[in-house]
Amino acid sequence: MSDTFRDGVWFVDLAPISDPTRVVPTIAHTLGLRESAGMTIDEVLPEFLREKELLLVLDNFEQVIDAAPAVKGLLATAPRVSVLITSRALLRIAGEREYAVPLLGVPDTHGVSSPELLITYEAARLFIERAQAVKADFTVTAENAPAVAAICVWLEGLPLAIELAAARVRVLPPQKLLLLLQRRLQVLSSSARDLPARHQTLRAAIGWSYDLLRPAPHWGANIVPAARRIRGRRAARSDRRDL
């Protein structure tokens, strides 16, 4: 891809920030820019990009989604700059093209009985690759293939969950790992020091997503009556079943 863009591909990690006003300075810092005499960083960056032909990869944009107009403004002044954004939410700006990243394909637990068939599924290939990274002699056999397939299905093809589960193969065979997964979320964790905290456990990843949620207007005022209505409907269904 770097051959396509004369001035290169630049990866901008937005995970450490949550203030949308910090997006432009973060991009500028990644590009090695600083404020100059008489110009703020918000002025330096557009001027620098004006004649550039490059790709900006902005990662984890969902937490600074209100910076979308600022990014759009940069593109307006730099016609040969492209931006690839990873986000759990659409930016909803003109010119945006959405590509939804699908879950990995998972096997049919009732039809997988051989290693040859198992490796035709993306989720299983990822599990095997990550398992062999921590246990070089790990192999899929006719005995453990059904368990590997069931793990992939249980984790619904989620790449992070599969990677965390595969890391446990160092101490647990797939059959025992499957039993633990069906009981405990804590099993899905990693001891890797170079991973961000939100990728070290599935619980942390869920917590990260939860913290990004924005309460709807009047959420606090409406939640109790809504909960009572749901509870009332459930009670009514339970009474009908008892009749």
C-alpha atoms as a PDB file:
ATOM      1  CA  MET A   1       0.000   0.000   0.000  1.00  0.00           C
ATOM      2  CA  SER A   2       2.918   2.338   0.638  1.00  0.00           C
ATOM      3  CA  ASP A   3       3.676   2.166  -3.097  1.00  0.00           C
ATOM      4  CA  THR A   4       0.268   3.717  -3.794  1.00  0.00           C
ATOM      5  CA  PHE A   5       0.913   6.784  -1.648  1.00  0.00           C
ATOM      6  CA  ARG A   6       4.009   8.791  -2.539  1.00  0.00           C
ATOM      7  CA  ASP A   7       4.397  10.207   0.994  1.00  0.00           C
ATOM      8  CA  GLY A   8       3.659   6.974   2.806  1.00  0.00           C
ATOM      9  CA  VAL A   9       1.093   5.436   5.142  1.00  0.00           C
ATOM     10  CA  TRP A  10       0.844   6.846   8.669  1.00  0.00           C
ATOM     11  CA  PHE A  11      -0.775   4.992  11.567  1.00  0.00           C
ATOM     12  CA  VAL A  12      -2.336   7.231  14.231  1.00  0.00           C
ATOM     13  CA  ASP A  13      -3.309   5.487  17.488  1.00  0.00           C
ATOM     14  CA  LEU A  14      -6.211   7.353  19.086  1.00  0.00           C
ATOM     15  CA  ALA A  15      -6.743   4.859  21.921  1.00  0.00           C
ATOM     16  CA  PRO A  16      -4.932   6.989  24.543  1.00  0.00           C
ATOM     17  CA  ILE A  17      -7.175  10.028  24.011  1.00  0.00           C
ATOM     18  CA  SER A  18     -10.875  10.705  24.580  1.00  0.00           C
ATOM     19  CA  ASP A  19     -10.997  14.444  23.889  1.00  0.00           C
ATOM     20  CA  PRO A  20     -12.020  15.119  20.250  1.00  0.00           C
ATOM     21  CA  THR A  21     -10.011  18.349  20.253  1.00  0.00           C
ATOM     22  CA  ARG A  22      -6.835  16.269  20.657  1.00  0.00           C
ATOM     23  CA  VAL A  23      -7.270  14.425  17.347  1.00  0.00           C
ATOM     24  CA  VAL A  24      -5.651  17.048  15.122  1.00  0.00           C
ATOM     25  CA  PRO A  25      -2.657  17.549  17.483  1.00  0.00           C
ATOM     26  CA  THR A  26      -2.243  13.758  17.704  1.00  0.00           C
ATOM     27  CA  ILE A  27      -2.158  13.441  13.919  1.00  0.00           C
ATOM     28  CA  ALA A  28       0.343  16.290  13.734  1.00  0.00           C
ATOM     29  CA  HIS A  29       2.556  14.714  16.414  1.00  0.00           C
ATOM     30  CA  THR A  30       2.555  11.395  14.527  1.00  0.00           C
ATOM     31  CA  LEU A  31       3.717  13.232  11.411  1.00  0.00           C
ATOM     32  CA  GLY A  32       6.490  14.895  13.408  1.00  0.00           C
ATOM     33  CA  LEU A  33       4.985  18.389  13.221  1.00  0.00           C
ATOM     34  CA  ARG A  34       5.251  21.138  15.809  1.00  0.00           C
ATOM     35  CA  GLU A  35       3.852  24.617  16.215  1.00  0.00           C
ATOM     36  CA  SER A  36       5.806  27.246  14.320  1.00  0.00           C
ATOM     37  CA  ALA A  37       6.140  30.991  14.716  1.00  0.00           C
ATOM     38  CA  GLY A  38       2.763  32.618  14.285  1.00  0.00           C
ATOM     39  CA  MET A  39       0.963  29.313  13.498  1.00  0.00           C
ATOM     40  CA  THR A  40      -0.911  26.974  15.815  1.00  0.00           C
ATOM     41  CA  ILE A  41      -0.781  23.213  15.311  1.00  0.00           C
ATOM     42  CA  ASP A  42      -4.325  23.375  13.885  1.00  0.00           C
ATOM     43  CA  GLU A  43      -2.924  25.642  11.168  1.00  0.00           C
ATOM     44  CA  VAL A  44       0.363  23.810  10.646  1.00  0.00           C
ATOM     45  CA  LEU A  45      -1.242  20.427   9.889  1.00  0.00           C
ATOM     46  CA  PRO A  46      -3.514  21.515   6.982  1.00  0.00           C
ATOM     47  CA  GLU A  47      -0.667  23.480   5.454  1.00  0.00           C
ATOM     48  CA  PHE A  48       1.632  20.467   5.684  1.00  0.00           C
ATOM     49  CA  LEU A  49      -0.935  18.112   4.139  1.00  0.00           C
ATOM     50  CA  ARG A  50      -1.937  20.427   1.306  1.00  0.00           C
ATOM     51  CA  GLU A  51       0.550  19.047  -1.245  1.00  0.00           C
ATOM     52  CA  LYS A  52       1.010  15.595   0.294  1.00  0.00           C
ATOM     53  CA  GLU A  53      -0.087  12.281  -1.144  1.00  0.00           C
ATOM     54  CA  LEU A  54      -0.469   9.965   1.817  1.00  0.00           C
ATOM     55  CA  LEU A  55      -2.806   7.712   3.773  1.00  0.00           C
ATOM     56  CA  LEU A  56      -3.738   8.399   7.389  1.00  0.00           C
ATOM     57  CA  VAL A  57      -4.952   5.370   9.350  1.00  0.00           C
ATOM     58  CA  LEU A  58      -6.896   6.648  12.366  1.00  0.00           C
ATOM     59  CA  ASP A  59      -7.450   3.795  14.817  1.00  0.00           C
ATOM     60  CA  ASN A  60     -10.096   3.688  17.595  1.00  0.00           C
ATOM     61  CA  PHE A  61     -12.033   6.703  16.361  1.00  0.00           C
ATOM     62  CA  GLU A  62     -15.281   5.808  18.131  1.00  0.00           C
ATOM     63  CA  GLN A  63     -14.205   7.503  21.362  1.00  0.00           C
ATOM     64  CA  VAL A  64     -13.476  10.810  19.599  1.00  0.00           C
ATOM     65  CA  ILE A  65     -16.319  10.646  17.087  1.00  0.00           C
ATOM     66  CA  ASP A  66     -17.096  14.359  17.474  1.00  0.00           C
ATOM     67  CA  ALA A  67     -13.786  15.063  15.709  1.00  0.00           C
ATOM     68  CA  ALA A  68     -15.278  13.833  12.419  1.00  0.00           C
ATOM     69  CA  PRO A  69     -15.872  17.384  11.058  1.00  0.00           C
ATOM     70  CA  ALA A  70     -12.240  18.270  11.804  1.00  0.00           C
ATOM     71  CA  VAL A  71     -11.050  15.276   9.767  1.00  0.00           C
ATOM     72  CA  LYS A  72     -13.420  16.245   6.984  1.00  0.00           C
ATOM     73  CA  GLY A  73     -11.902  19.730   7.077  1.00  0.00           C
ATOM     74  CA  LEU A  74      -8.396  18.317   6.646  1.00  0.00           C
ATOM     75  CA  LEU A  75      -9.490  16.365   3.585  1.00  0.00           C
ATOM     76  CA  ALA A  76     -11.058  19.470   2.073  1.00  0.00           C
ATOM     77  CA  THR A  77      -7.669  21.229   2.103  1.00  0.00           C
ATOM     78  CA  ALA A  78      -5.635  18.193   1.018  1.00  0.00           C
ATOM     79  CA  PRO A  79      -7.200  16.550  -2.066  1.00  0.00           C
ATOM     80  CA  ARG A  80      -4.540  13.823  -2.356  1.00  0.00           C
ATOM     81  CA  VAL A  81      -4.754  12.704   1.253  1.00  0.00           C
ATOM     82  CA  SER A  82      -6.881   9.660   2.072  1.00  0.00           C
ATOM     83  CA  VAL A  83      -8.096   8.572   5.503  1.00  0.00           C
ATOM     84  CA  LEU A  84      -8.851   5.043   6.675  1.00  0.00           C
ATOM     85  CA  ILE A  85     -10.694   5.049   9.999  1.00  0.00           C
ATOM     86  CA  THR A  86     -11.410   2.136  12.309  1.00  0.00           C
ATOM     87  CA  SER A  87     -14.463   2.840  14.430  1.00  0.00           C
ATOM     88  CA  ARG A  88     -17.390   1.102  16.038  1.00  0.00           C
ATOM     89  CA  ALA A  89     -19.620   3.993  14.990  1.00  0.00           C
ATOM     90  CA  LEU A  90     -20.202   5.704  11.661  1.00  0.00           C
ATOM     91  CA  LEU A  91     -18.814   9.200  11.274  1.00  0.00           C
ATOM     92  CA  ARG A  92     -21.887  10.299   9.278  1.00  0.00           C
ATOM     93  CA  ILE A  93     -20.052  12.794   7.094  1.00  0.00           C
ATOM     94  CA  ALA A  94     -20.263  13.342   3.339  1.00  0.00           C
ATOM     95  CA  GLY A  95     -18.020  11.047   1.309  1.00  0.00           C
ATOM     96  CA  GLU A  96     -17.832   8.353   3.978  1.00  0.00           C
ATOM     97  CA  ARG A  97     -17.697   4.754   2.754  1.00  0.00           C
ATOM     98  CA  GLU A  98     -18.505   2.032   5.255  1.00  0.00           C
ATOM     99  CA  TYR A  99     -16.890  -1.386   5.285  1.00  0.00           C
ATOM    100  CA  ALA A 100     -18.221  -3.623   8.042  1.00  0.00           C
ATOM    101  CA  VAL A 101     -15.623  -6.122   9.247  1.00  0.00           C
ATOM    102  CA  PRO A 102     -17.391  -9.492   9.463  1.00  0.00           C
ATOM    103  CA  LEU A 103     -16.908 -12.075  12.182  1.00  0.00           C
ATOM    104  CA  LEU A 104     -14.681 -15.013  11.350  1.00  0.00           C
ATOM    105  CA  GLY A 105     -16.345 -18.024   9.797  1.00  0.00           C
ATOM    106  CA  VAL A 106     -17.040 -20.736  12.364  1.00  0.00           C
ATOM    107  CA  PRO A 107     -17.417 -24.472  11.827  1.00  0.00           C
ATOM    108  CA  ASP A 108     -20.528 -26.554  12.236  1.00  0.00           C
ATOM    109  CA  THR A 109     -19.937 -28.423  15.470  1.00  0.00           C
ATOM    110  CA  HIS A 110     -22.107 -31.303  14.281  1.00  0.00           C
ATOM    111  CA  GLY A 111     -20.149 -31.813  11.070  1.00  0.00           C
ATOM    112  CA  VAL A 112     -16.510 -31.264  12.033  1.00  0.00           C
ATOM    113  CA  SER A 113     -14.728 -34.497  12.811  1.00  0.00           C
ATOM    114  CA  SER A 114     -11.399 -34.114  11.038  1.00  0.00           C
ATOM    115  CA  PRO A 115      -8.501 -31.614  11.142  1.00  0.00           C
ATOM    116  CA  GLU A 116      -8.658 -31.277   7.362  1.00  0.00           C
ATOM    117  CA  LEU A 117     -12.217 -29.985   7.498  1.00  0.00           C
ATOM    118  CA  LEU A 118     -11.602 -27.816  10.548  1.00  0.00           C
ATOM    119  CA  ILE A 119      -8.859 -25.713   8.931  1.00  0.00           C
ATOM    120  CA  THR A 120     -11.214 -24.620   6.161  1.00  0.00           C
ATOM    121  CA  TYR A 121     -12.800 -22.215   8.669  1.00  0.00           C
ATOM    122  CA  GLU A 122     -11.237 -18.817   9.459  1.00  0.00           C
ATOM    123  CA  ALA A 123     -11.918 -18.948  13.195  1.00  0.00           C
ATOM    124  CA  ALA A 124     -10.302 -22.373  13.516  1.00  0.00           C
ATOM    125  CA  ARG A 125      -7.236 -21.286  11.531  1.00  0.00           C
ATOM    126  CA  LEU A 126      -6.774 -18.298  13.836  1.00  0.00           C
ATOM    127  CA  PHE A 127      -7.141 -20.511  16.923  1.00  0.00           C
ATOM    128  CA  ILE A 128      -4.559 -22.984  15.622  1.00  0.00           C
ATOM    129  CA  GLU A 129      -2.126 -20.240  14.618  1.00  0.00           C
ATOM    130  CA  ARG A 130      -2.283 -18.530  18.019  1.00  0.00           C
ATOM    131  CA  ALA A 131      -2.166 -21.858  19.896  1.00  0.00           C
ATOM    132  CA  GLN A 132       1.006 -22.853  18.046  1.00  0.00           C
ATOM    133  CA  ALA A 133       2.520 -19.464  18.903  1.00  0.00           C
ATOM    134  CA  VAL A 134       2.414 -20.395  22.607  1.00  0.00           C
ATOM    135  CA  LYS A 135       2.819 -24.159  22.229  1.00  0.00           C
ATOM    136  CA  ALA A 136       4.905 -25.041  19.203  1.00  0.00           C
ATOM    137  CA  ASP A 137       3.976 -28.735  19.236  1.00  0.00           C
ATOM    138  CA  PHE A 138       0.225 -28.117  19.292  1.00  0.00           C
ATOM    139  CA  THR A 139      -1.572 -30.015  16.542  1.00  0.00           C
ATOM    140  CA  VAL A 140      -5.193 -30.610  15.701  1.00  0.00           C
ATOM    141  CA  THR A 141      -6.163 -34.258  15.874  1.00  0.00           C
ATOM    142  CA  ALA A 142      -9.324 -36.250  15.376  1.00  0.00           C
ATOM    143  CA  GLU A 143      -9.661 -36.276  19.183  1.00  0.00           C
ATOM    144  CA  ASN A 144      -9.436 -32.523  19.816  1.00  0.00           C
ATOM    145  CA  ALA A 145     -10.902 -31.184  16.540  1.00  0.00           C
ATOM    146  CA  PRO A 146     -14.508 -31.241  17.847  1.00  0.00           C
ATOM    147  CA  ALA A 147     -13.440 -29.264  20.943  1.00  0.00           C
ATOM    148  CA  VAL A 148     -11.593 -26.671  18.841  1.00  0.00           C
ATOM    149  CA  ALA A 149     -14.665 -26.329  16.633  1.00  0.00           C
ATOM    150  CA  ALA A 150     -16.923 -25.931  19.677  1.00  0.00           C
ATOM    151  CA  ILE A 151     -14.619 -23.251  21.158  1.00  0.00           C
ATOM    152  CA  CYS A 152     -14.809 -21.221  17.944  1.00  0.00           C
ATOM    153  CA  VAL A 153     -18.602 -21.509  17.885  1.00  0.00           C
ATOM    154  CA  TRP A 154     -18.891 -20.707  21.609  1.00  0.00           C
ATOM    155  CA  LEU A 155     -16.852 -17.532  21.052  1.00  0.00           C
ATOM    156  CA  GLU A 156     -18.963 -16.628  18.001  1.00  0.00           C
ATOM    157  CA  GLY A 157     -15.981 -16.029  15.734  1.00  0.00           C
ATOM    158  CA  LEU A 158     -14.726 -13.022  17.717  1.00  0.00           C
ATOM    159  CA  PRO A 159     -11.005 -12.671  16.894  1.00  0.00           C
ATOM    160  CA  LEU A 160      -9.932 -11.237  20.265  1.00  0.00           C
ATOM    161  CA  ALA A 161     -11.815 -13.912  22.222  1.00  0.00           C
ATOM    162  CA  ILE A 162     -10.348 -16.663  20.040  1.00  0.00           C
ATOM    163  CA  GLU A 163      -6.808 -15.333  20.476  1.00  0.00           C
ATOM    164  CA  LEU A 164      -7.214 -15.133  24.250  1.00  0.00           C
ATOM    165  CA  ALA A 165      -8.634 -18.657  24.380  1.00  0.00           C
ATOM    166  CA  ALA A 166      -5.878 -20.084  22.184  1.00  0.00           C
ATOM    167  CA  ALA A 167      -3.247 -18.646  24.525  1.00  0.00           C
ATOM    168  CA  ARG A 168      -4.557 -21.021  27.213  1.00  0.00           C
ATOM    169  CA  VAL A 169      -3.544 -24.063  25.164  1.00  0.00           C
ATOM    170  CA  ARG A 170      -0.121 -23.695  26.764  1.00  0.00           C
ATOM    171  CA  VAL A 171      -1.556 -25.306  29.921  1.00  0.00           C
ATOM    172  CA  LEU A 172      -4.949 -26.707  28.904  1.00  0.00           C
ATOM    173  CA  PRO A 173      -5.936 -29.123  26.136  1.00  0.00           C
ATOM    174  CA  PRO A 174      -8.883 -27.896  24.013  1.00  0.00           C
ATOM    175  CA  GLN A 175     -11.306 -30.322  25.661  1.00  0.00           C
ATOM    176  CA  LYS A 176     -10.668 -28.917  29.149  1.00  0.00           C
ATOM    177  CA  LEU A 177     -10.500 -25.362  27.838  1.00  0.00           C
ATOM    178  CA  LEU A 178     -13.976 -25.734  26.362  1.00  0.00           C
ATOM    179  CA  LEU A 179     -15.405 -26.824  29.718  1.00  0.00           C
ATOM    180  CA  LEU A 180     -13.870 -23.822  31.473  1.00  0.00           C
ATOM    181  CA  LEU A 181     -15.059 -21.384  28.814  1.00  0.00           C
ATOM    182  CA  GLN A 182     -18.621 -22.490  29.339  1.00  0.00           C
ATOM    183  CA  ARG A 183     -18.366 -21.502  32.995  1.00  0.00           C
ATOM    184  CA  ARG A 184     -15.986 -18.558  33.352  1.00  0.00           C
ATOM    185  CA  LEU A 185     -15.296 -15.316  31.502  1.00  0.00           C
ATOM    186  CA  GLN A 186     -12.030 -14.930  33.432  1.00  0.00           C
ATOM    187  CA  VAL A 187     -10.425 -17.708  31.379  1.00  0.00           C
ATOM    188  CA  LEU A 188     -10.126 -15.300  28.434  1.00  0.00           C
ATOM    189  CA  SER A 189      -7.071 -13.351  29.477  1.00  0.00           C
ATOM    190  CA  SER A 190      -3.515 -12.774  28.303  1.00  0.00           C
ATOM    191  CA  SER A 191      -0.229 -12.141  30.091  1.00  0.00           C
ATOM    192  CA  ALA A 192       1.354 -10.407  27.089  1.00  0.00           C
ATOM    193  CA  ARG A 193       3.012  -7.169  28.238  1.00  0.00           C
ATOM    194  CA  ASP A 194       2.833  -5.433  24.854  1.00  0.00           C
ATOM    195  CA  LEU A 195      -0.955  -5.550  24.558  1.00  0.00           C
ATOM    196  CA  PRO A 196      -3.122  -2.577  25.579  1.00  0.00           C
ATOM    197  CA  ALA A 197      -5.082  -3.229  28.768  1.00  0.00           C
ATOM    198  CA  ARG A 198      -8.383  -3.483  26.873  1.00  0.00           C
ATOM    199  CA  HIS A 199      -6.994  -6.424  24.854  1.00  0.00           C
ATOM    200  CA  GLN A 200      -5.583  -8.409  27.775  1.00  0.00           C
ATOM    201  CA  THR A 201      -8.929  -9.784  28.947  1.00  0.00           C
ATOM    202  CA  LEU A 202     -12.328 -10.125  27.330  1.00  0.00           C
ATOM    203  CA  ARG A 203     -13.843  -8.545  30.438  1.00  0.00           C
ATOM    204  CA  ALA A 204     -11.637  -5.482  29.912  1.00  0.00           C
ATOM    205  CA  ALA A 205     -12.680  -5.295  26.258  1.00  0.00           C
ATOM    206  CA  ILE A 206     -16.337  -5.362  27.286  1.00  0.00           C
ATOM    207  CA  GLY A 207     -15.649  -2.708  29.930  1.00  0.00           C
ATOM    208  CA  TRP A 208     -13.897  -0.533  27.331  1.00  0.00           C
ATOM    209  CA  SER A 209     -16.962  -0.763  25.073  1.00  0.00           C
ATOM    210  CA  TYR A 210     -19.320  -0.053  27.961  1.00  0.00           C
ATOM    211  CA  ASP A 211     -17.409   3.070  28.957  1.00  0.00           C
ATOM    212  CA  LEU A 212     -17.836   4.417  25.415  1.00  0.00           C
ATOM    213  CA  LEU A 213     -21.626   4.254  25.638  1.00  0.00           C
ATOM    214  CA  ARG A 214     -23.375   7.585  25.855  1.00  0.00           C
ATOM    215  CA  PRO A 215     -26.582   7.777  27.904  1.00  0.00           C
ATOM    216  CA  ALA A 216     -29.570   8.910  25.891  1.00  0.00           C
ATOM    217  CA  PRO A 217     -31.350  12.131  26.936  1.00  0.00           C
ATOM    218  CA  HIS A 218     -33.505  11.640  30.050  1.00  0.00           C
ATOM    219  CA  TRP A 219     -32.072   8.123  30.419  1.00  0.00           C
ATOM    220  CA  GLY A 220     -31.984   8.383  34.193  1.00  0.00           C
ATOM    221  CA  ALA A 221     -35.586   9.533  34.386  1.00  0.00           C
ATOM    222  CA  ASN A 222     -36.904   6.804  32.090  1.00  0.00           C
ATOM    223  CA  ILE A 223     -34.992   3.728  33.171  1.00  0.00           C
ATOM    224  CA  VAL A 224     -37.009   2.914  36.306  1.00  0.00           C
ATOM    225  CA  PRO A 225     -40.472   3.120  34.651  1.00  0.00           C
ATOM    226  CA  ALA A 226     -39.152   1.120  31.681  1.00  0.00           C
ATOM    227  CA  ALA A 227     -37.759  -1.564  33.974  1.00  0.00           C
ATOM    228  CA  ARG A 228     -41.085  -1.766  35.798  1.00  0.00           C
ATOM    229  CA  ARG A 229     -42.965  -2.222  32.504  1.00  0.00           C
ATOM    230  CA  ILE A 230     -40.614  -5.042  31.454  1.00  0.00           C
ATOM    231  CA  ARG A 231     -40.935  -6.698  34.846  1.00  0.00           C
ATOM    232  CA  GLY A 232     -44.713  -6.388  34.630  1.00  0.00           C
ATOM    233  CA  ARG A 233     -44.839  -8.028  31.205  1.00  0.00           C
ATOM    234  CA  ARG A 234     -42.601 -10.877  32.375  1.00  0.00           C
ATOM    235  CA  ALA A 235     -44.814 -11.411  35.426  1.00  0.00           C
ATOM    236  CA  ALA A 236     -47.897 -11.485  33.233  1.00  0.00           C
ATOM    237  CA  ARG A 237     -46.343 -14.117  30.938  1.00  0.00           C
ATOM    238  CA  SER A 238     -45.346 -16.170  33.972  1.00  0.00           C
ATOM    239  CA  ASP A 239     -48.940 -16.022  35.313  1.00  0.00           C
ATOM    240  CA  ARG A 240     -50.294 -17.209  31.955  1.00  0.00           C
ATOM    241  CA  ARG A 241     -47.900 -20.155  31.949  1.00  0.00           C
ATOM    242  CA  ASP A 242     -49.121 -21.130  35.422  1.00  0.00           C
ATOM    243  CA  LEU A 243     -52.732 -21.260  34.291  1.00  0.00           C
END
